[in-house]
Amino acid sequence: MFASTSQQRRGPRLGDQSLDKYPNMMADLAARIPEIGRHDPEKVRRLFIKHQDRIFFATDFQVYDRLTLGSGGSGPPPTDDDAVAFFEKHWRWLETKDRKFEHMTPIQGDWKIDAIGLPVSVLRKSARQCAPAARPLAAASGVESGARQKGLSPGRATG
């Protein structure tokens, strides 16, 4: 939902229109925070609160023969400390109202993002309650979350 270039330019407005138009549509955040974080944080926050039952946390975190965070690139593989920093930036974007900080996947571009400071009730839905609705699709495709395999999950949001 948040992936295409045309959607990135139109930002939260298109996401809102799409979610309004298609009541069965769900959206995940995998590799989109660097793009979404460039938009007006209050508009993005309102979008997430309005559609809190249909936007869920996800990443492009993978564990196969090597750890991959977001866009893999051609550099050295990330370390466990890199993985911690990767997730901390996700939580910072979701949980705080910090402004102009480096996003989690620099390979996507060199810009700063603004956090959206979601309420805890919305964070819980994003991290725990929305994702199970999408699991049948993942199970049917044989995909399992690398983050879940590594035991990584949002700290305060799932508490």
N, C-alpha and C. Protein backbone atom coordinates (compact mmCIF):
# COMPACT_ATOMS: atom_id res chain seq x y z
N MET A 1 0.80 -1.18 0.00
CA MET A 1 0.00 0.00 0.00
C MET A 1 0.85 1.26 0.00
N PHE A 2 1.92 1.28 0.76
CA PHE A 2 2.74 2.47 0.85
C PHE A 2 3.94 2.40 -0.09
N ALA A 3 3.95 1.44 -1.01
CA ALA A 3 5.19 1.12 -1.71
C ALA A 3 5.48 1.92 -2.96
N SER A 4 4.52 2.22 -3.79
CA SER A 4 4.84 2.78 -5.10
C SER A 4 5.27 4.23 -5.02
N THR A 5 6.03 4.66 -6.00
CA THR A 5 6.52 6.03 -6.04
C THR A 5 5.37 7.02 -6.07
N SER A 6 4.33 6.74 -6.84
CA SER A 6 3.20 7.68 -6.90
C SER A 6 2.54 7.79 -5.53
N GLN A 7 2.45 6.71 -4.80
CA GLN A 7 1.87 6.76 -3.47
C GLN A 7 2.76 7.54 -2.52
N GLN A 8 4.06 7.40 -2.66
CA GLN A 8 4.97 8.13 -1.77
C GLN A 8 4.82 9.63 -1.96
N ARG A 9 4.63 10.07 -3.21
CA ARG A 9 4.47 11.50 -3.46
C ARG A 9 3.17 12.02 -2.87
N ARG A 10 2.10 11.22 -2.97
CA ARG A 10 0.80 11.67 -2.47
C ARG A 10 0.63 11.35 -1.00
N GLY A 11 1.47 10.48 -0.48
CA GLY A 11 1.56 10.22 0.94
C GLY A 11 0.31 9.73 1.63
N PRO A 12 0.08 10.24 2.84
CA PRO A 12 -1.01 9.75 3.67
C PRO A 12 -2.39 9.88 3.03
N ARG A 13 -2.58 10.90 2.19
CA ARG A 13 -3.88 11.11 1.57
C ARG A 13 -4.29 9.88 0.74
N LEU A 14 -3.36 9.35 -0.07
CA LEU A 14 -3.68 8.19 -0.88
C LEU A 14 -3.90 6.96 -0.01
N GLY A 15 -3.09 6.78 1.02
CA GLY A 15 -3.29 5.65 1.93
C GLY A 15 -4.66 5.71 2.57
N ASP A 16 -5.07 6.88 3.00
CA ASP A 16 -6.37 7.08 3.62
C ASP A 16 -7.49 6.78 2.61
N GLN A 17 -7.36 7.30 1.42
CA GLN A 17 -8.38 7.06 0.39
C GLN A 17 -8.48 5.58 0.05
N SER A 18 -7.36 4.91 -0.07
CA SER A 18 -7.37 3.48 -0.40
C SER A 18 -8.00 2.66 0.71
N LEU A 19 -7.63 2.94 1.95
CA LEU A 19 -8.20 2.20 3.08
C LEU A 19 -9.70 2.48 3.23
N ASP A 20 -10.11 3.70 2.93
CA ASP A 20 -11.55 4.02 2.96
C ASP A 20 -12.30 3.28 1.85
N LYS A 21 -11.71 3.24 0.67
CA LYS A 21 -12.38 2.65 -0.49
C LYS A 21 -12.45 1.13 -0.41
N TYR A 22 -11.43 0.51 0.15
CA TYR A 22 -11.34 -0.95 0.19
C TYR A 22 -11.37 -1.42 1.65
N PRO A 23 -12.53 -1.72 2.19
CA PRO A 23 -12.64 -2.05 3.62
C PRO A 23 -11.91 -3.32 4.05
N ASN A 24 -11.56 -4.19 3.13
CA ASN A 24 -10.82 -5.40 3.48
C ASN A 24 -9.31 -5.24 3.33
N MET A 25 -8.88 -4.08 2.90
CA MET A 25 -7.45 -3.83 2.68
C MET A 25 -6.74 -3.66 4.02
N MET A 26 -5.53 -4.23 4.09
CA MET A 26 -4.66 -4.03 5.25
C MET A 26 -3.33 -3.51 4.71
N ALA A 27 -2.57 -2.88 5.56
CA ALA A 27 -1.27 -2.34 5.16
C ALA A 27 -0.24 -2.70 6.21
N ASP A 28 0.99 -2.94 5.76
CA ASP A 28 2.07 -3.15 6.71
C ASP A 28 3.14 -2.09 6.48
N LEU A 29 4.06 -1.99 7.41
CA LEU A 29 5.09 -0.95 7.37
C LEU A 29 6.41 -1.40 6.79
N ALA A 30 6.52 -2.63 6.35
CA ALA A 30 7.81 -3.17 5.92
C ALA A 30 8.49 -2.25 4.90
N ALA A 31 9.64 -1.75 5.28
CA ALA A 31 10.50 -0.91 4.44
C ALA A 31 9.84 0.39 4.00
N ARG A 32 8.78 0.82 4.63
CA ARG A 32 8.10 2.05 4.23
C ARG A 32 8.32 3.21 5.17
N ILE A 33 8.78 2.98 6.38
CA ILE A 33 8.93 4.08 7.33
C ILE A 33 9.87 5.17 6.80
N PRO A 34 10.98 4.82 6.13
CA PRO A 34 11.81 5.91 5.60
C PRO A 34 11.05 6.83 4.64
N GLU A 35 10.11 6.28 3.88
CA GLU A 35 9.32 7.11 2.97
C GLU A 35 8.18 7.81 3.71
N ILE A 36 7.43 7.07 4.50
CA ILE A 36 6.30 7.66 5.22
C ILE A 36 6.79 8.74 6.19
N GLY A 37 7.97 8.53 6.77
CA GLY A 37 8.53 9.47 7.73
C GLY A 37 8.91 10.82 7.15
N ARG A 38 8.86 10.94 5.83
CA ARG A 38 9.16 12.21 5.17
C ARG A 38 7.93 13.12 5.10
N HIS A 39 6.76 12.56 5.37
CA HIS A 39 5.51 13.32 5.27
C HIS A 39 5.18 13.99 6.60
N ASP A 40 4.21 14.88 6.56
CA ASP A 40 3.75 15.59 7.76
C ASP A 40 3.40 14.58 8.84
N PRO A 41 4.14 14.58 9.96
CA PRO A 41 3.92 13.55 10.97
C PRO A 41 2.52 13.57 11.59
N GLU A 42 1.90 14.73 11.67
CA GLU A 42 0.54 14.79 12.23
C GLU A 42 -0.47 14.14 11.29
N LYS A 43 -0.30 14.31 9.98
CA LYS A 43 -1.19 13.67 9.01
C LYS A 43 -1.01 12.16 9.05
N VAL A 44 0.24 11.72 9.13
CA VAL A 44 0.51 10.29 9.19
C VAL A 44 -0.06 9.71 10.48
N ARG A 45 0.13 10.41 11.58
CA ARG A 45 -0.41 9.96 12.87
C ARG A 45 -1.93 9.81 12.80
N ARG A 46 -2.61 10.80 12.22
CA ARG A 46 -4.07 10.72 12.09
C ARG A 46 -4.48 9.52 11.23
N LEU A 47 -3.74 9.27 10.15
CA LEU A 47 -4.02 8.11 9.29
C LEU A 47 -3.90 6.82 10.09
N PHE A 48 -2.83 6.68 10.88
CA PHE A 48 -2.61 5.47 11.66
C PHE A 48 -3.68 5.29 12.74
N ILE A 49 -4.09 6.37 13.35
CA ILE A 49 -5.12 6.28 14.38
C ILE A 49 -6.47 5.93 13.74
N LYS A 50 -6.80 6.57 12.64
CA LYS A 50 -8.06 6.31 11.95
C LYS A 50 -8.16 4.85 11.50
N HIS A 51 -7.08 4.32 10.98
CA HIS A 51 -7.09 2.96 10.41
C HIS A 51 -6.29 1.98 11.28
N GLN A 52 -6.32 2.19 12.58
CA GLN A 52 -5.49 1.41 13.50
C GLN A 52 -5.78 -0.08 13.48
N ASP A 53 -6.94 -0.48 13.02
CA ASP A 53 -7.26 -1.91 12.96
C ASP A 53 -6.74 -2.56 11.68
N ARG A 54 -6.11 -1.77 10.79
CA ARG A 54 -5.72 -2.32 9.50
C ARG A 54 -4.30 -1.98 9.07
N ILE A 55 -3.55 -1.29 9.91
CA ILE A 55 -2.14 -1.00 9.62
C ILE A 55 -1.32 -1.72 10.68
N PHE A 56 -0.41 -2.59 10.24
CA PHE A 56 0.33 -3.36 11.23
C PHE A 56 1.83 -3.30 11.01
N PHE A 57 2.53 -3.56 12.09
CA PHE A 57 3.99 -3.51 12.09
C PHE A 57 4.55 -4.71 11.32
N ALA A 58 5.53 -4.42 10.49
CA ALA A 58 6.28 -5.45 9.77
C ALA A 58 7.61 -4.82 9.34
N THR A 59 8.59 -5.63 9.06
CA THR A 59 9.87 -5.12 8.57
C THR A 59 10.34 -6.00 7.43
N ASP A 60 11.41 -5.57 6.79
CA ASP A 60 12.08 -6.41 5.80
C ASP A 60 13.30 -7.06 6.44
N PHE A 61 13.19 -7.40 7.70
CA PHE A 61 14.23 -8.08 8.47
C PHE A 61 14.21 -9.55 8.05
N GLN A 62 15.35 -10.08 7.68
CA GLN A 62 15.40 -11.48 7.24
C GLN A 62 16.59 -12.19 7.89
N VAL A 63 16.39 -13.45 8.15
CA VAL A 63 17.50 -14.29 8.61
C VAL A 63 17.49 -15.55 7.75
N TYR A 64 18.44 -15.65 6.88
CA TYR A 64 18.62 -16.86 6.07
C TYR A 64 20.06 -17.30 6.29
N ASP A 65 20.86 -17.27 5.26
CA ASP A 65 22.27 -17.58 5.45
C ASP A 65 23.02 -16.37 6.00
N ARG A 66 22.35 -15.20 6.01
CA ARG A 66 22.91 -14.00 6.60
C ARG A 66 21.78 -13.08 7.03
N LEU A 67 22.06 -12.21 7.96
CA LEU A 67 21.10 -11.24 8.45
C LEU A 67 20.94 -10.12 7.42
N THR A 68 19.70 -9.75 7.11
CA THR A 68 19.43 -8.65 6.19
C THR A 68 18.45 -7.70 6.86
N LEU A 69 18.78 -6.42 6.86
CA LEU A 69 17.92 -5.40 7.45
C LEU A 69 17.43 -4.49 6.34
N GLY A 70 16.13 -4.53 6.04
CA GLY A 70 15.61 -3.69 4.96
C GLY A 70 16.23 -4.08 3.65
N SER A 71 16.61 -3.11 2.87
CA SER A 71 17.27 -3.37 1.59
C SER A 71 18.68 -3.85 1.88
N GLY A 72 19.01 -5.04 1.38
CA GLY A 72 20.26 -5.70 1.72
C GLY A 72 21.51 -4.97 1.30
N GLY A 73 21.52 -4.40 0.12
CA GLY A 73 22.72 -3.73 -0.35
C GLY A 73 23.84 -4.72 -0.60
N SER A 74 25.02 -4.20 -0.89
CA SER A 74 26.14 -5.08 -1.21
C SER A 74 27.26 -4.99 -0.17
N GLY A 75 27.03 -4.28 0.91
CA GLY A 75 28.06 -4.11 1.93
C GLY A 75 28.17 -5.32 2.82
N PRO A 76 28.95 -5.18 3.89
CA PRO A 76 29.10 -6.30 4.83
C PRO A 76 27.78 -6.60 5.53
N PRO A 77 27.57 -7.84 5.91
CA PRO A 77 26.32 -8.18 6.60
C PRO A 77 26.22 -7.45 7.93
N PRO A 78 25.00 -7.10 8.33
CA PRO A 78 24.83 -6.41 9.61
C PRO A 78 25.12 -7.31 10.80
N THR A 79 25.44 -6.68 11.91
CA THR A 79 25.72 -7.39 13.15
C THR A 79 24.45 -7.43 14.01
N ASP A 80 24.51 -8.15 15.11
CA ASP A 80 23.39 -8.14 16.06
C ASP A 80 23.13 -6.73 16.58
N ASP A 81 24.19 -5.96 16.81
CA ASP A 81 24.02 -4.58 17.26
C ASP A 81 23.31 -3.74 16.20
N ASP A 82 23.60 -4.00 14.92
CA ASP A 82 22.90 -3.31 13.84
C ASP A 82 21.40 -3.65 13.88
N ALA A 83 21.09 -4.91 14.18
CA ALA A 83 19.68 -5.31 14.26
C ALA A 83 18.97 -4.58 15.40
N VAL A 84 19.64 -4.44 16.53
CA VAL A 84 19.05 -3.71 17.66
C VAL A 84 18.79 -2.26 17.26
N ALA A 85 19.77 -1.61 16.64
CA ALA A 85 19.61 -0.22 16.19
C ALA A 85 18.48 -0.11 15.17
N PHE A 86 18.37 -1.08 14.27
CA PHE A 86 17.32 -1.12 13.25
C PHE A 86 15.94 -1.09 13.91
N PHE A 87 15.73 -1.96 14.90
CA PHE A 87 14.44 -2.00 15.57
C PHE A 87 14.22 -0.79 16.47
N GLU A 88 15.27 -0.31 17.11
CA GLU A 88 15.10 0.87 17.96
C GLU A 88 14.62 2.07 17.17
N LYS A 89 15.08 2.20 15.93
CA LYS A 89 14.61 3.31 15.09
C LYS A 89 13.14 3.13 14.71
N HIS A 90 12.71 1.90 14.50
CA HIS A 90 11.28 1.65 14.26
C HIS A 90 10.46 2.11 15.46
N TRP A 91 10.88 1.66 16.66
CA TRP A 91 10.11 2.01 17.86
C TRP A 91 10.14 3.52 18.08
N ARG A 92 11.30 4.14 17.83
CA ARG A 92 11.39 5.60 17.99
C ARG A 92 10.39 6.30 17.08
N TRP A 93 10.29 5.85 15.83
CA TRP A 93 9.36 6.47 14.89
C TRP A 93 7.91 6.27 15.33
N LEU A 94 7.60 5.09 15.79
CA LEU A 94 6.22 4.79 16.19
C LEU A 94 5.85 5.42 17.54
N GLU A 95 6.78 5.46 18.50
CA GLU A 95 6.45 5.79 19.89
C GLU A 95 6.71 7.23 20.30
N THR A 96 7.59 7.94 19.60
CA THR A 96 7.96 9.29 20.04
C THR A 96 7.47 10.32 19.03
N LYS A 97 7.72 11.57 19.35
CA LYS A 97 7.46 12.66 18.41
C LYS A 97 8.77 13.36 18.04
N ASP A 98 9.86 12.59 18.05
CA ASP A 98 11.17 13.12 17.69
C ASP A 98 11.14 13.61 16.24
N ARG A 99 11.96 14.61 15.97
CA ARG A 99 12.01 15.19 14.63
C ARG A 99 13.42 15.08 14.04
N LYS A 100 13.45 14.91 12.74
CA LYS A 100 14.67 14.96 11.94
C LYS A 100 15.77 14.03 12.44
N PHE A 101 15.46 12.72 12.46
CA PHE A 101 16.50 11.74 12.83
C PHE A 101 16.71 10.78 11.67
N GLU A 102 17.85 10.11 11.68
CA GLU A 102 18.20 9.18 10.61
C GLU A 102 17.28 7.97 10.65
N HIS A 103 16.82 7.55 9.48
CA HIS A 103 15.95 6.39 9.42
C HIS A 103 16.76 5.09 9.42
N MET A 104 16.03 3.98 9.45
CA MET A 104 16.64 2.68 9.69
C MET A 104 17.29 2.01 8.48
N THR A 105 17.01 2.46 7.27
CA THR A 105 17.60 1.82 6.08
C THR A 105 18.22 2.89 5.17
N PRO A 106 19.44 3.34 5.50
CA PRO A 106 20.08 4.41 4.74
C PRO A 106 20.26 4.10 3.26
N ILE A 107 20.24 2.82 2.89
CA ILE A 107 20.37 2.48 1.47
C ILE A 107 19.21 3.05 0.65
N GLN A 108 18.08 3.35 1.32
CA GLN A 108 16.91 3.91 0.62
C GLN A 108 17.08 5.39 0.31
N GLY A 109 17.98 6.08 0.99
CA GLY A 109 18.18 7.49 0.72
C GLY A 109 18.73 8.21 1.93
N ASP A 110 19.27 9.39 1.68
CA ASP A 110 19.93 10.17 2.73
C ASP A 110 19.04 11.34 3.14
N TRP A 111 18.09 11.09 4.00
CA TRP A 111 17.20 12.12 4.52
C TRP A 111 16.82 11.77 5.94
N LYS A 112 16.20 12.69 6.61
CA LYS A 112 15.77 12.50 8.00
C LYS A 112 14.25 12.27 8.02
N ILE A 113 13.79 11.64 9.09
CA ILE A 113 12.36 11.38 9.24
C ILE A 113 11.84 11.99 10.54
N ASP A 114 10.52 12.16 10.59
CA ASP A 114 9.85 12.68 11.78
C ASP A 114 8.94 11.59 12.34
N ALA A 115 9.04 11.37 13.64
CA ALA A 115 8.26 10.33 14.31
C ALA A 115 6.80 10.76 14.47
N ILE A 116 5.93 9.76 14.72
CA ILE A 116 4.49 10.03 14.78
C ILE A 116 3.87 9.86 16.16
N GLY A 117 4.58 9.35 17.14
CA GLY A 117 4.11 9.30 18.52
C GLY A 117 2.72 8.73 18.71
N LEU A 118 2.54 7.48 18.33
CA LEU A 118 1.22 6.86 18.45
C LEU A 118 0.87 6.55 19.91
N PRO A 119 -0.41 6.61 20.24
CA PRO A 119 -0.84 6.18 21.58
C PRO A 119 -0.55 4.69 21.78
N VAL A 120 -0.32 4.29 23.02
CA VAL A 120 -0.01 2.90 23.33
C VAL A 120 -1.09 1.95 22.81
N SER A 121 -2.36 2.34 22.91
CA SER A 121 -3.44 1.45 22.44
C SER A 121 -3.31 1.18 20.95
N VAL A 122 -2.88 2.15 20.17
CA VAL A 122 -2.70 1.97 18.72
C VAL A 122 -1.45 1.13 18.47
N LEU A 123 -0.40 1.37 19.23
CA LEU A 123 0.82 0.57 19.09
C LEU A 123 0.54 -0.90 19.33
N ARG A 124 -0.25 -1.19 20.34
CA ARG A 124 -0.57 -2.59 20.64
C ARG A 124 -1.32 -3.24 19.48
N LYS A 125 -2.25 -2.51 18.91
CA LYS A 125 -2.98 -3.07 17.76
C LYS A 125 -2.03 -3.30 16.60
N SER A 126 -1.18 -2.36 16.32
CA SER A 126 -0.25 -2.47 15.21
C SER A 126 0.68 -3.67 15.38
N ALA A 127 1.13 -3.88 16.61
CA ALA A 127 2.13 -4.92 16.86
C ALA A 127 1.52 -6.29 17.13
N ARG A 128 0.32 -6.35 17.69
CA ARG A 128 -0.20 -7.63 18.13
C ARG A 128 -1.52 -8.04 17.50
N GLN A 129 -2.44 -7.12 17.36
CA GLN A 129 -3.79 -7.50 17.00
C GLN A 129 -4.05 -7.49 15.50
N CYS A 130 -3.39 -6.61 14.75
CA CYS A 130 -3.64 -6.57 13.31
C CYS A 130 -2.89 -7.68 12.58
N ALA A 131 -1.66 -7.94 12.99
CA ALA A 131 -0.83 -8.91 12.29
C ALA A 131 -1.46 -10.30 12.20
N PRO A 132 -2.14 -10.81 13.25
CA PRO A 132 -2.73 -12.15 13.11
C PRO A 132 -3.74 -12.25 11.97
N ALA A 133 -4.40 -11.16 11.63
CA ALA A 133 -5.35 -11.19 10.53
C ALA A 133 -4.65 -11.44 9.20
N ALA A 134 -3.37 -11.05 9.11
CA ALA A 134 -2.61 -11.25 7.88
C ALA A 134 -1.86 -12.58 7.87
N ARG A 135 -1.76 -13.25 9.00
CA ARG A 135 -0.99 -14.50 9.07
C ARG A 135 -1.48 -15.59 8.12
N PRO A 136 -2.78 -15.75 7.90
CA PRO A 136 -3.18 -16.79 6.95
C PRO A 136 -2.56 -16.60 5.57
N LEU A 137 -2.39 -15.36 5.14
CA LEU A 137 -1.75 -15.10 3.85
C LEU A 137 -0.29 -15.53 3.89
N ALA A 138 0.41 -15.17 4.97
CA ALA A 138 1.81 -15.54 5.09
C ALA A 138 1.97 -17.06 5.19
N ALA A 139 1.10 -17.69 5.96
CA ALA A 139 1.17 -19.15 6.11
C ALA A 139 0.94 -19.85 4.78
N ALA A 140 0.00 -19.34 4.01
CA ALA A 140 -0.31 -19.96 2.72
C ALA A 140 0.88 -19.86 1.77
N SER A 141 1.69 -18.81 1.92
CA SER A 141 2.84 -18.64 1.04
C SER A 141 4.10 -19.31 1.58
N GLY A 142 4.03 -19.83 2.83
CA GLY A 142 5.19 -20.48 3.42
C GLY A 142 6.18 -19.50 4.03
N VAL A 143 5.81 -18.24 4.16
CA VAL A 143 6.70 -17.21 4.70
C VAL A 143 6.52 -17.13 6.20
N GLU A 144 7.62 -17.08 6.93
CA GLU A 144 7.57 -16.88 8.38
C GLU A 144 8.45 -15.69 8.72
N SER A 145 8.02 -14.90 9.66
CA SER A 145 8.74 -13.70 10.04
C SER A 145 10.12 -14.02 10.60
N GLY A 146 11.15 -13.44 10.00
CA GLY A 146 12.50 -13.58 10.53
C GLY A 146 12.61 -12.99 11.91
N ALA A 147 11.92 -11.89 12.14
CA ALA A 147 11.96 -11.25 13.47
C ALA A 147 11.37 -12.19 14.51
N ARG A 148 10.28 -12.87 14.17
CA ARG A 148 9.67 -13.79 15.12
C ARG A 148 10.61 -14.97 15.37
N GLN A 149 11.29 -15.43 14.32
CA GLN A 149 12.23 -16.52 14.50
C GLN A 149 13.34 -16.14 15.47
N LYS A 150 13.75 -14.88 15.44
CA LYS A 150 14.82 -14.41 16.32
C LYS A 150 14.29 -13.96 17.67
N GLY A 151 12.97 -14.01 17.87
CA GLY A 151 12.39 -13.62 19.16
C GLY A 151 12.31 -12.12 19.34
N LEU A 152 12.40 -11.34 18.24
CA LEU A 152 12.34 -9.89 18.34
C LEU A 152 10.90 -9.42 18.21
N SER A 153 10.48 -8.56 19.10
CA SER A 153 9.15 -7.98 19.03
C SER A 153 9.17 -6.64 19.73
N PRO A 154 8.19 -5.78 19.45
CA PRO A 154 8.20 -4.46 20.07
C PRO A 154 8.12 -4.56 21.59
N GLY A 155 9.04 -3.94 22.28
CA GLY A 155 9.12 -4.02 23.73
C GLY A 155 7.92 -3.42 24.44
N ARG A 156 7.83 -2.11 24.49
CA ARG A 156 6.76 -1.46 25.24
C ARG A 156 5.40 -1.68 24.59
N ALA A 157 5.33 -1.79 23.28
CA ALA A 157 4.04 -1.90 22.61
C ALA A 157 3.32 -3.21 22.93
N THR A 158 4.05 -4.24 23.23
CA THR A 158 3.42 -5.53 23.49
C THR A 158 3.27 -5.84 24.96
N GLY A 159 3.74 -4.97 25.82
CA GLY A 159 3.79 -5.20 27.24
C GLY A 159 2.52 -5.44 27.94
